[in-house]
Amino acid sequence: MNKNAYIQVALHNSSFCLGAKESFWIMAGNARRFTAVGITGSILSFLGKGLITMFSMFLTIAIINEAFTDTIEQPFIPAVIIGMFAYMIASVFLSVFDYSALTILHCFCLDEAQNPNAPSRNTPDGLKKFLEKDEEMEKISRANHII
């Protein structure tokens, strides 16, 4: 809720309390979308942090084994230290992508709320096709739940 409130404050130049209220109603109305973006973002963030950390540690061990075979007998200790720094840096950079994905979703939901019947003129053609399929699937699922 906190991240979403800050996004609304940035989008509308409003107070934090008003931004929190607006973000709550946007999230409540688009719960499936926010859940999907949250799960996808968590998985990609986990994979990104793990891969960056492991690659940094592997590269450290490879460089130490190649260049410092005479002076360093145990390359795993420097690799663990490098891995901790790599994890912290990867966390900072991947949090930027997390905020970006949430901001794009907020903008999309706001655009959809302001123009409910017309597709946005800023929407790419490939995304329009995807959104039309999503609307068809929602209609089918609503019809199945009514019966």
Foldseek 3Di string as FASTA:
>chain_A
DQLQLVLQCVVPVDDSVVSVVVSVVLCVVPVVVVVVLVVVLVVVLVVQLVVQLVVQLVVQLVCCVPPPVPPDPDSNVVSVVSSVVSSVVSNVVSVVVSSVSSSVVVVVSVVCVVPVPDDDPPDDPVVVVVVVVVVVVVVVVVVVVVD
